[in-house]
């Protein structure tokens, strides 16, 4: 893959492909997403694959209600706070 980072102008986020399906023999795709403040996508689910989320910096909410899952900073990484 020649272009490893793409910008989504609708959601205003960046996606960097760290590992592609072609690079892992179809096992997985690994991406890093830089969300815009207040950004994200609507609730959804996938029938053919699962997703795992690791918050690298800041805070992320999974879901739309107050009691939904939140990921917050909890350790230091390279002098910056990471989740």
Protein backbone atom coordinates (compact mmCIF):
# COMPACT_ATOMS: atom_id res chain seq x y z
CA UNK A 1 0.00 0.00 0.00
CA UNK A 2 1.62 3.26 -1.10
CA UNK A 3 -0.59 5.76 0.79
CA UNK A 4 -0.63 4.74 4.45
CA UNK A 5 -2.49 7.78 5.85
CA UNK A 6 -5.85 9.02 4.63
CA UNK A 7 -8.10 11.92 5.65
CA UNK A 8 -11.88 11.64 5.87
CA UNK A 9 -13.30 15.15 5.24
CA UNK A 10 -16.80 14.14 6.38
CA UNK A 11 -15.76 12.85 9.81
CA UNK A 12 -12.65 15.08 9.92
CA UNK A 13 -10.37 12.28 11.07
CA UNK A 14 -7.14 10.66 9.88
CA UNK A 15 -6.55 6.92 9.51
CA UNK A 16 -3.03 5.52 9.33
CA UNK A 17 -2.67 1.91 8.20
CA UNK A 18 -0.06 0.29 10.45
CA UNK A 19 -0.64 -3.23 9.07
CA UNK A 20 -2.88 -4.16 6.16
CA UNK A 21 -4.70 -7.41 5.50
CA UNK A 22 -2.25 -8.07 2.65
CA UNK A 23 0.69 -7.64 5.05
CA UNK A 24 -0.79 -10.07 7.62
CA UNK A 25 -1.97 -12.76 5.20
CA UNK A 26 -5.60 -11.81 5.83
CA UNK A 27 -5.37 -12.19 9.61
CA UNK A 28 -6.14 -8.57 10.53
CA UNK A 29 -5.86 -4.90 9.65
CA UNK A 30 -4.34 -2.54 12.21
CA UNK A 31 -5.09 1.17 11.98
CA UNK A 32 -4.52 4.25 14.10
CA UNK A 33 -7.37 6.77 13.98
CA UNK A 34 -6.94 10.43 14.95
CA UNK A 35 -10.45 11.61 15.82
CA UNK A 36 -11.47 15.25 15.60
CA UNK A 37 -12.74 16.79 18.86
CA UNK A 38 -16.32 15.60 19.26
CA UNK A 39 -15.91 13.42 16.17
CA UNK A 40 -16.66 9.79 15.53
CA UNK A 41 -19.17 7.61 13.77
CA UNK A 42 -22.68 6.48 14.63
CA UNK A 43 -23.44 3.28 16.49
CA UNK A 44 -23.11 0.18 14.32
CA UNK A 45 -22.08 -3.46 14.39
CA UNK A 46 -20.27 -5.79 12.03
CA UNK A 47 -21.29 -9.34 11.16
CA UNK A 48 -18.04 -10.44 9.50
CA UNK A 49 -15.34 -9.02 11.79
CA UNK A 50 -14.75 -7.62 15.26
CA UNK A 51 -13.16 -4.37 16.39
CA UNK A 52 -10.86 -3.65 19.31
CA UNK A 53 -10.20 -0.13 20.58
CA UNK A 54 -7.14 1.11 22.46
CA UNK A 55 -7.12 4.77 23.42
CA UNK A 56 -3.62 6.16 22.83
CA UNK A 57 -4.21 9.72 24.04
CA UNK A 58 -7.13 11.67 25.48
CA UNK A 59 -10.59 10.24 26.09
CA UNK A 60 -12.96 8.23 23.89
CA UNK A 61 -16.60 7.32 24.52
CA UNK A 62 -18.03 4.16 23.02
CA UNK A 63 -21.81 4.51 22.78
CA UNK A 64 -24.23 7.41 23.01
CA UNK A 65 -25.58 7.28 26.57
CA UNK A 66 -24.06 8.55 29.79
CA UNK A 67 -23.42 5.02 31.14
CA UNK A 68 -21.63 3.77 28.01
CA UNK A 69 -17.96 2.79 27.98
CA UNK A 70 -15.33 5.53 28.34
CA UNK A 71 -11.59 5.15 27.75
CA UNK A 72 -9.42 7.68 29.59
CA UNK A 73 -5.73 8.40 30.03
CA UNK A 74 -3.99 6.14 32.55
CA UNK A 75 -0.26 5.89 31.79
CA UNK A 76 2.61 7.95 30.42
CA UNK A 77 4.10 7.24 27.00
CA UNK A 78 7.01 9.27 25.58
CA UNK A 79 6.29 12.08 28.03
CA UNK A 80 2.64 12.29 26.94
CA UNK A 81 -0.42 10.86 28.58
CA UNK A 82 -1.73 7.69 26.95
CA UNK A 83 -4.79 5.51 27.53
